[in-house]
Amino acid sequence: MAIEPGRDKLCPLCGGRLQEKTATLPFVVKGTVVIVKGALAEVCEDCGEAFLTGKATDEVVALLQDAVSRGVELTVVTLPQVPSPV
């Protein structure tokens, strides 16, 4: 379902308004804990739940796969900041 231009995206959990910003998100995969800082996400203004954007999802999946393949137990990764499109 496409969002009409100019319309707010709504949180699928509580119906609050989603705002694009960076977030710190924890992931647990096969016993590996990865904390990702600076991930571009849509964050609900009401409940605070964060949803990764498409590009950020690709980056995070690659990080998770790398951490699991190396047998890391815990790692904290800060993603490089990308300038926001104007």
PDB file of N, CA and C in Angstrom:
ATOM      1  N   MET A   1       0.850  -1.170   0.000  1.00  0.00           N
ATOM      2  CA  MET A   1       0.000   0.000   0.000  1.00  0.00           C
ATOM      3  C   MET A   1       0.898   1.236   0.000  1.00  0.00           C
ATOM      4  N   ALA A   2       0.712   2.086  -0.973  1.00  0.00           N
ATOM      5  CA  ALA A   2       1.521   3.293  -1.100  1.00  0.00           C
ATOM      6  C   ALA A   2       0.927   4.422  -0.271  1.00  0.00           C
ATOM      7  N   ILE A   3       1.798   5.237   0.261  1.00  0.00           N
ATOM      8  CA  ILE A   3       1.376   6.417   1.017  1.00  0.00           C
ATOM      9  C   ILE A   3       1.284   7.585   0.041  1.00  0.00           C
ATOM     10  N   GLU A   4       0.200   8.325   0.095  1.00  0.00           N
ATOM     11  CA  GLU A   4       0.050   9.488  -0.772  1.00  0.00           C
ATOM     12  C   GLU A   4       1.072  10.547  -0.384  1.00  0.00           C
ATOM     13  N   PRO A   5       1.660  11.227  -1.385  1.00  0.00           N
ATOM     14  CA  PRO A   5       2.601  12.299  -1.066  1.00  0.00           C
ATOM     15  C   PRO A   5       1.932  13.351  -0.184  1.00  0.00           C
ATOM     16  N   GLY A   6       2.663  13.817   0.809  1.00  0.00           N
ATOM     17  CA  GLY A   6       2.141  14.838   1.701  1.00  0.00           C
ATOM     18  C   GLY A   6       1.360  14.294   2.882  1.00  0.00           C
ATOM     19  N   ARG A   7       1.057  13.004   2.874  1.00  0.00           N
ATOM     20  CA  ARG A   7       0.324  12.401   3.993  1.00  0.00           C
ATOM     21  C   ARG A   7       1.317  11.803   4.970  1.00  0.00           C
ATOM     22  N   ASP A   8       0.968  11.870   6.246  1.00  0.00           N
ATOM     23  CA  ASP A   8       1.827  11.302   7.279  1.00  0.00           C
ATOM     24  C   ASP A   8       1.777   9.784   7.234  1.00  0.00           C
ATOM     25  N   LYS A   9       2.914   9.165   7.500  1.00  0.00           N
ATOM     26  CA  LYS A   9       2.947   7.718   7.678  1.00  0.00           C
ATOM     27  C   LYS A   9       2.541   7.446   9.113  1.00  0.00           C
ATOM     28  N   LEU A  10       1.772   6.384   9.314  1.00  0.00           N
ATOM     29  CA  LEU A  10       1.275   6.075  10.646  1.00  0.00           C
ATOM     30  C   LEU A  10       1.893   4.793  11.179  1.00  0.00           C
ATOM     31  N   CYS A  11       2.098   4.756  12.483  1.00  0.00           N
ATOM     32  CA  CYS A  11       2.651   3.593  13.165  1.00  0.00           C
ATOM     33  C   CYS A  11       1.662   2.433  13.062  1.00  0.00           C
ATOM     34  N   PRO A  12       2.126   1.263  12.614  1.00  0.00           N
ATOM     35  CA  PRO A  12       1.229   0.113  12.527  1.00  0.00           C
ATOM     36  C   PRO A  12       0.851  -0.449  13.897  1.00  0.00           C
ATOM     37  N   LEU A  13       1.566  -0.056  14.947  1.00  0.00           N
ATOM     38  CA  LEU A  13       1.268  -0.566  16.285  1.00  0.00           C
ATOM     39  C   LEU A  13       0.245   0.282  17.026  1.00  0.00           C
ATOM     40  N   CYS A  14       0.415   1.619  16.980  1.00  0.00           N
ATOM     41  CA  CYS A  14      -0.470   2.473  17.785  1.00  0.00           C
ATOM     42  C   CYS A  14      -1.205   3.535  16.978  1.00  0.00           C
ATOM     43  N   GLY A  15      -0.826   3.708  15.709  1.00  0.00           N
ATOM     44  CA  GLY A  15      -1.477   4.718  14.882  1.00  0.00           C
ATOM     45  C   GLY A  15      -0.868   6.102  14.990  1.00  0.00           C
ATOM     46  N   GLY A  16       0.206   6.244  15.785  1.00  0.00           N
ATOM     47  CA  GLY A  16       0.884   7.534  15.916  1.00  0.00           C
ATOM     48  C   GLY A  16       1.610   7.914  14.631  1.00  0.00           C
ATOM     49  N   ARG A  17       2.057   9.160  14.561  1.00  0.00           N
ATOM     50  CA  ARG A  17       2.754   9.671  13.380  1.00  0.00           C
ATOM     51  C   ARG A  17       4.212   9.213  13.400  1.00  0.00           C
ATOM     52  N   LEU A  18       4.702   8.746  12.245  1.00  0.00           N
ATOM     53  CA  LEU A  18       6.095   8.333  12.114  1.00  0.00           C
ATOM     54  C   LEU A  18       6.929   9.502  11.614  1.00  0.00           C
ATOM     55  N   GLN A  19       8.117   9.648  12.223  1.00  0.00           N
ATOM     56  CA  GLN A  19       9.040  10.708  11.840  1.00  0.00           C
ATOM     57  C   GLN A  19      10.378  10.064  11.502  1.00  0.00           C
ATOM     58  N   GLU A  20      10.965  10.452  10.368  1.00  0.00           N
ATOM     59  CA  GLU A  20      12.247   9.886   9.970  1.00  0.00           C
ATOM     60  C   GLU A  20      13.367  10.532  10.777  1.00  0.00           C
ATOM     61  N   LYS A  21      14.178   9.687  11.426  1.00  0.00           N
ATOM     62  CA  LYS A  21      15.342  10.156  12.176  1.00  0.00           C
ATOM     63  C   LYS A  21      16.246   8.961  12.450  1.00  0.00           C
ATOM     64  N   THR A  22      17.359   9.199  13.116  1.00  0.00           N
ATOM     65  CA  THR A  22      18.252   8.095  13.439  1.00  0.00           C
ATOM     66  C   THR A  22      17.843   7.483  14.777  1.00  0.00           C
ATOM     67  N   ALA A  23      18.153   6.194  14.907  1.00  0.00           N
ATOM     68  CA  ALA A  23      17.771   5.473  16.119  1.00  0.00           C
ATOM     69  C   ALA A  23      18.859   4.472  16.483  1.00  0.00           C
ATOM     70  N   THR A  24      18.852   4.055  17.743  1.00  0.00           N
ATOM     71  CA  THR A  24      19.714   2.977  18.221  1.00  0.00           C
ATOM     72  C   THR A  24      18.826   1.760  18.426  1.00  0.00           C
ATOM     73  N   LEU A  25      19.175   0.660  17.750  1.00  0.00           N
ATOM     74  CA  LEU A  25      18.324  -0.527  17.755  1.00  0.00           C
ATOM     75  C   LEU A  25      19.120  -1.771  18.131  1.00  0.00           C
ATOM     76  N   PRO A  26      18.594  -2.595  19.029  1.00  0.00           N
ATOM     77  CA  PRO A  26      19.254  -3.857  19.386  1.00  0.00           C
ATOM     78  C   PRO A  26      18.707  -5.008  18.535  1.00  0.00           C
ATOM     79  N   PHE A  27      19.585  -5.938  18.184  1.00  0.00           N
ATOM     80  CA  PHE A  27      19.190  -7.136  17.444  1.00  0.00           C
ATOM     81  C   PHE A  27      19.846  -8.341  18.099  1.00  0.00           C
ATOM     82  N   VAL A  28      19.146  -9.468  18.131  1.00  0.00           N
ATOM     83  CA  VAL A  28      19.706 -10.732  18.608  1.00  0.00           C
ATOM     84  C   VAL A  28      19.476 -11.763  17.512  1.00  0.00           C
ATOM     85  N   VAL A  29      20.578 -12.317  16.980  1.00  0.00           N
ATOM     86  CA  VAL A  29      20.502 -13.305  15.911  1.00  0.00           C
ATOM     87  C   VAL A  29      21.413 -14.470  16.266  1.00  0.00           C
ATOM     88  N   LYS A  30      20.841 -15.653  16.409  1.00  0.00           N
ATOM     89  CA  LYS A  30      21.619 -16.870  16.688  1.00  0.00           C
ATOM     90  C   LYS A  30      22.601 -16.666  17.840  1.00  0.00           C
ATOM     91  N   GLY A  31      22.157 -16.028  18.907  1.00  0.00           N
ATOM     92  CA  GLY A  31      22.996 -15.827  20.080  1.00  0.00           C
ATOM     93  C   GLY A  31      23.947 -14.649  19.987  1.00  0.00           C
ATOM     94  N   THR A  32      23.941 -13.948  18.879  1.00  0.00           N
ATOM     95  CA  THR A  32      24.788 -12.773  18.700  1.00  0.00           C
ATOM     96  C   THR A  32      23.957 -11.519  18.946  1.00  0.00           C
ATOM     97  N   VAL A  33      24.453 -10.640  19.818  1.00  0.00           N
ATOM     98  CA  VAL A  33      23.763  -9.385  20.107  1.00  0.00           C
ATOM     99  C   VAL A  33      24.496  -8.268  19.360  1.00  0.00           C
ATOM    100  N   VAL A  34      23.746  -7.546  18.537  1.00  0.00           N
ATOM    101  CA  VAL A  34      24.310  -6.427  17.786  1.00  0.00           C
ATOM    102  C   VAL A  34      23.478  -5.191  18.101  1.00  0.00           C
ATOM    103  N   ILE A  35      24.138  -4.141  18.567  1.00  0.00           N
ATOM    104  CA  ILE A  35      23.476  -2.864  18.816  1.00  0.00           C
ATOM    105  C   ILE A  35      23.912  -1.924  17.699  1.00  0.00           C
ATOM    106  N   VAL A  36      22.942  -1.446  16.948  1.00  0.00           N
ATOM    107  CA  VAL A  36      23.219  -0.571  15.811  1.00  0.00           C
ATOM    108  C   VAL A  36      22.814   0.849  16.182  1.00  0.00           C
ATOM    109  N   LYS A  37      23.798   1.744  16.147  1.00  0.00           N
ATOM    110  CA  LYS A  37      23.554   3.158  16.467  1.00  0.00           C
ATOM    111  C   LYS A  37      23.531   3.954  15.165  1.00  0.00           C
ATOM    112  N   GLY A  38      22.672   4.956  15.111  1.00  0.00           N
ATOM    113  CA  GLY A  38      22.633   5.835  13.944  1.00  0.00           C
ATOM    114  C   GLY A  38      21.919   5.261  12.744  1.00  0.00           C
ATOM    115  N   ALA A  39      21.042   4.279  12.960  1.00  0.00           N
ATOM    116  CA  ALA A  39      20.303   3.680  11.848  1.00  0.00           C
ATOM    117  C   ALA A  39      19.169   4.610  11.433  1.00  0.00           C
ATOM    118  N   LEU A  40      19.022   4.830  10.134  1.00  0.00           N
ATOM    119  CA  LEU A  40      17.930   5.655   9.639  1.00  0.00           C
ATOM    120  C   LEU A  40      16.630   4.874   9.792  1.00  0.00           C
ATOM    121  N   ALA A  41      15.688   5.454  10.525  1.00  0.00           N
ATOM    122  CA  ALA A  41      14.443   4.757  10.833  1.00  0.00           C
ATOM    123  C   ALA A  41      13.281   5.733  10.842  1.00  0.00           C
ATOM    124  N   GLU A  42      12.094   5.164  10.770  1.00  0.00           N
ATOM    125  CA  GLU A  42      10.872   5.932  10.986  1.00  0.00           C
ATOM    126  C   GLU A  42      10.441   5.608  12.406  1.00  0.00           C
ATOM    127  N   VAL A  43      10.420   6.618  13.269  1.00  0.00           N
ATOM    128  CA  VAL A  43      10.166   6.425  14.697  1.00  0.00           C
ATOM    129  C   VAL A  43       8.814   7.039  15.052  1.00  0.00           C
ATOM    130  N   CYS A  44       8.005   6.264  15.780  1.00  0.00           N
ATOM    131  CA  CYS A  44       6.681   6.736  16.182  1.00  0.00           C
ATOM    132  C   CYS A  44       6.817   7.808  17.256  1.00  0.00           C
ATOM    133  N   GLU A  45       6.131   8.919  17.048  1.00  0.00           N
ATOM    134  CA  GLU A  45       6.161  10.013  18.021  1.00  0.00           C
ATOM    135  C   GLU A  45       5.415   9.657  19.302  1.00  0.00           C
ATOM    136  N   ASP A  46       4.505   8.672  19.238  1.00  0.00           N
ATOM    137  CA  ASP A  46       3.712   8.309  20.411  1.00  0.00           C
ATOM    138  C   ASP A  46       4.327   7.161  21.210  1.00  0.00           C
ATOM    139  N   CYS A  47       4.540   6.011  20.560  1.00  0.00           N
ATOM    140  CA  CYS A  47       5.012   4.836  21.306  1.00  0.00           C
ATOM    141  C   CYS A  47       6.527   4.647  21.254  1.00  0.00           C
ATOM    142  N   GLY A  48       7.223   5.358  20.344  1.00  0.00           N
ATOM    143  CA  GLY A  48       8.674   5.277  20.262  1.00  0.00           C
ATOM    144  C   GLY A  48       9.209   4.095  19.474  1.00  0.00           C
ATOM    145  N   GLU A  49       8.329   3.258  18.932  1.00  0.00           N
ATOM    146  CA  GLU A  49       8.780   2.108  18.138  1.00  0.00           C
ATOM    147  C   GLU A  49       9.475   2.616  16.878  1.00  0.00           C
ATOM    148  N   ALA A  50      10.582   1.952  16.509  1.00  0.00           N
ATOM    149  CA  ALA A  50      11.355   2.360  15.341  1.00  0.00           C
ATOM    150  C   ALA A  50      11.256   1.298  14.256  1.00  0.00           C
ATOM    151  N   PHE A  51      11.125   1.752  13.017  1.00  0.00           N
ATOM    152  CA  PHE A  51      11.043   0.879  11.856  1.00  0.00           C
ATOM    153  C   PHE A  51      12.137   1.297  10.886  1.00  0.00           C
ATOM    154  N   LEU A  52      13.041   0.372  10.558  1.00  0.00           N
ATOM    155  CA  LEU A  52      14.138   0.686   9.651  1.00  0.00           C
ATOM    156  C   LEU A  52      13.623   1.067   8.274  1.00  0.00           C
ATOM    157  N   THR A  53      14.321   1.995   7.630  1.00  0.00           N
ATOM    158  CA  THR A  53      14.016   2.318   6.239  1.00  0.00           C
ATOM    159  C   THR A  53      14.632   1.235   5.361  1.00  0.00           C
ATOM    160  N   GLY A  54      14.251   1.190   4.101  1.00  0.00           N
ATOM    161  CA  GLY A  54      14.742   0.163   3.185  1.00  0.00           C
ATOM    162  C   GLY A  54      16.258   0.112   3.083  1.00  0.00           C
ATOM    163  N   LYS A  55      16.890   1.269   2.860  1.00  0.00           N
ATOM    164  CA  LYS A  55      18.349   1.312   2.725  1.00  0.00           C
ATOM    165  C   LYS A  55      19.022   0.871   4.022  1.00  0.00           C
ATOM    166  N   ALA A  56      18.510   1.337   5.151  1.00  0.00           N
ATOM    167  CA  ALA A  56      19.091   0.961   6.439  1.00  0.00           C
ATOM    168  C   ALA A  56      18.933  -0.531   6.693  1.00  0.00           C
ATOM    169  N   THR A  57      17.819  -1.104   6.254  1.00  0.00           N
ATOM    170  CA  THR A  57      17.596  -2.539   6.433  1.00  0.00           C
ATOM    171  C   THR A  57      18.689  -3.337   5.741  1.00  0.00           C
ATOM    172  N   ASP A  58      19.027  -2.956   4.513  1.00  0.00           N
ATOM    173  CA  ASP A  58      20.082  -3.655   3.777  1.00  0.00           C
ATOM    174  C   ASP A  58      21.412  -3.577   4.522  1.00  0.00           C
ATOM    175  N   GLU A  59      21.745  -2.399   5.040  1.00  0.00           N
ATOM    176  CA  GLU A  59      22.994  -2.221   5.785  1.00  0.00           C
ATOM    177  C   GLU A  59      23.008  -3.068   7.058  1.00  0.00           C
ATOM    178  N   VAL A  60      21.900  -3.054   7.787  1.00  0.00           N
ATOM    179  CA  VAL A  60      21.825  -3.782   9.058  1.00  0.00           C
ATOM    180  C   VAL A  60      21.878  -5.289   8.819  1.00  0.00           C
ATOM    181  N   VAL A  61      21.195  -5.782   7.810  1.00  0.00           N
ATOM    182  CA  VAL A  61      21.237  -7.219   7.509  1.00  0.00           C
ATOM    183  C   VAL A  61      22.667  -7.649   7.211  1.00  0.00           C
ATOM    184  N   ALA A  62      23.405  -6.854   6.448  1.00  0.00           N
ATOM    185  CA  ALA A  62      24.804  -7.179   6.147  1.00  0.00           C
ATOM    186  C   ALA A  62      25.645  -7.198   7.423  1.00  0.00           C
ATOM    187  N   LEU A  63      25.425  -6.234   8.316  1.00  0.00           N
ATOM    188  CA  LEU A  63      26.156  -6.197   9.590  1.00  0.00           C
ATOM    189  C   LEU A  63      25.841  -7.417  10.445  1.00  0.00           C
ATOM    190  N   LEU A  64      24.566  -7.786  10.504  1.00  0.00           N
ATOM    191  CA  LEU A  64      24.160  -8.945  11.306  1.00  0.00           C
ATOM    192  C   LEU A  64      24.770 -10.225  10.756  1.00  0.00           C
ATOM    193  N   GLN A  65      24.729 -10.397   9.447  1.00  0.00           N
ATOM    194  CA  GLN A  65      25.311 -11.591   8.832  1.00  0.00           C
ATOM    195  C   GLN A  65      26.807 -11.674   9.112  1.00  0.00           C
ATOM    196  N   ASP A  66      27.495 -10.539   9.028  1.00  0.00           N
ATOM    197  CA  ASP A  66      28.933 -10.508   9.292  1.00  0.00           C
ATOM    198  C   ASP A  66      29.233 -10.873  10.744  1.00  0.00           C
ATOM    199  N   ALA A  67      28.489 -10.295  11.679  1.00  0.00           N
ATOM    200  CA  ALA A  67      28.720 -10.566  13.102  1.00  0.00           C
ATOM    201  C   ALA A  67      28.475 -12.033  13.427  1.00  0.00           C
ATOM    202  N   VAL A  68      27.406 -12.608  12.892  1.00  0.00           N
ATOM    203  CA  VAL A  68      27.096 -14.023  13.141  1.00  0.00           C
ATOM    204  C   VAL A  68      28.176 -14.910  12.532  1.00  0.00           C
ATOM    205  N   SER A  69      28.616 -14.601  11.314  1.00  0.00           N
ATOM    206  CA  SER A  69      29.622 -15.436  10.650  1.00  0.00           C
ATOM    207  C   SER A  69      30.967 -15.403  11.377  1.00  0.00           C
ATOM    208  N   ARG A  70      31.259 -14.301  12.074  1.00  0.00           N
ATOM    209  CA  ARG A  70      32.513 -14.193  12.829  1.00  0.00           C
ATOM    210  C   ARG A  70      32.400 -14.756  14.235  1.00  0.00           C
ATOM    211  N   GLY A  71      31.192 -15.168  14.641  1.00  0.00           N
ATOM    212  CA  GLY A  71      31.009 -15.749  15.969  1.00  0.00           C
ATOM    213  C   GLY A  71      31.067 -14.731  17.094  1.00  0.00           C
ATOM    214  N   VAL A  72      30.762 -13.488  16.783  1.00  0.00           N
ATOM    215  CA  VAL A  72      30.786 -12.420  17.777  1.00  0.00           C
ATOM    216  C   VAL A  72      29.635 -12.613  18.755  1.00  0.00           C
ATOM    217  N   GLU A  73      29.889 -12.395  20.054  1.00  0.00           N
ATOM    218  CA  GLU A  73      28.815 -12.475  21.052  1.00  0.00           C
ATOM    219  C   GLU A  73      28.076 -11.156  21.182  1.00  0.00           C
ATOM    220  N   LEU A  74      28.832 -10.053  21.221  1.00  0.00           N
ATOM    221  CA  LEU A  74      28.237  -8.725  21.395  1.00  0.00           C
ATOM    222  C   LEU A  74      29.064  -7.712  20.629  1.00  0.00           C
ATOM    223  N   THR A  75      28.384  -6.857  19.876  1.00  0.00           N
ATOM    224  CA  THR A  75      29.080  -5.787  19.179  1.00  0.00           C
ATOM    225  C   THR A  75      28.171  -4.569  19.094  1.00  0.00           C
ATOM    226  N   VAL A  76      28.799  -3.396  19.100  1.00  0.00           N
ATOM    227  CA  VAL A  76      28.079  -2.136  18.921  1.00  0.00           C
ATOM    228  C   VAL A  76      28.647  -1.484  17.668  1.00  0.00           C
ATOM    229  N   VAL A  77      27.764  -1.137  16.738  1.00  0.00           N
ATOM    230  CA  VAL A  77      28.175  -0.563  15.465  1.00  0.00           C
ATOM    231  C   VAL A  77      27.477   0.780  15.284  1.00  0.00           C
ATOM    232  N   THR A  78      28.235   1.791  14.879  1.00  0.00           N
ATOM    233  CA  THR A  78      27.646   3.090  14.559  1.00  0.00           C
ATOM    234  C   THR A  78      27.690   3.271  13.051  1.00  0.00           C
ATOM    235  N   LEU A  79      26.514   3.441  12.452  1.00  0.00           N
ATOM    236  CA  LEU A  79      26.446   3.644  11.008  1.00  0.00           C
ATOM    237  C   LEU A  79      26.867   5.067  10.670  1.00  0.00           C
ATOM    238  N   PRO A  80      27.542   5.242   9.525  1.00  0.00           N
ATOM    239  CA  PRO A  80      27.921   6.600   9.123  1.00  0.00           C
ATOM    240  C   PRO A  80      26.673   7.413   8.795  1.00  0.00           C
ATOM    241  N   GLN A  81      26.703   8.686   9.141  1.00  0.00           N
ATOM    242  CA  GLN A  81      25.556   9.558   8.884  1.00  0.00           C
ATOM    243  C   GLN A  81      25.542   9.985   7.428  1.00  0.00           C
ATOM    244  N   VAL A  82      24.371   9.868   6.822  1.00  0.00           N
ATOM    245  CA  VAL A  82      24.174  10.273   5.435  1.00  0.00           C
ATOM    246  C   VAL A  82      23.356  11.559   5.454  1.00  0.00           C
ATOM    247  N   PRO A  83      23.769  12.570   4.693  1.00  0.00           N
ATOM    248  CA  PRO A  83      22.994  13.814   4.684  1.00  0.00           C
ATOM    249  C   PRO A  83      21.562  13.558   4.227  1.00  0.00           C
ATOM    250  N   SER A  84      20.606  14.215   4.871  1.00  0.00           N
ATOM    251  CA  SER A  84      19.198  14.069   4.509  1.00  0.00           C
ATOM    252  C   SER A  84      18.941  14.728   3.168  1.00  0.00           C
ATOM    253  N   PRO A  85      18.097  14.082   2.319  1.00  0.00           N
ATOM    254  CA  PRO A  85      17.754  14.728   1.047  1.00  0.00           C
ATOM    255  C   PRO A  85      16.904  15.971   1.307  1.00  0.00           C
ATOM    256  N   VAL A  86      17.158  17.009   0.544  1.00  0.00           N
ATOM    257  CA  VAL A  86      16.430  18.269   0.754  1.00  0.00           C
ATOM    258  C   VAL A  86      15.306  18.396  -0.225  1.00  0.00           C
TER     259      VAL A  86
END
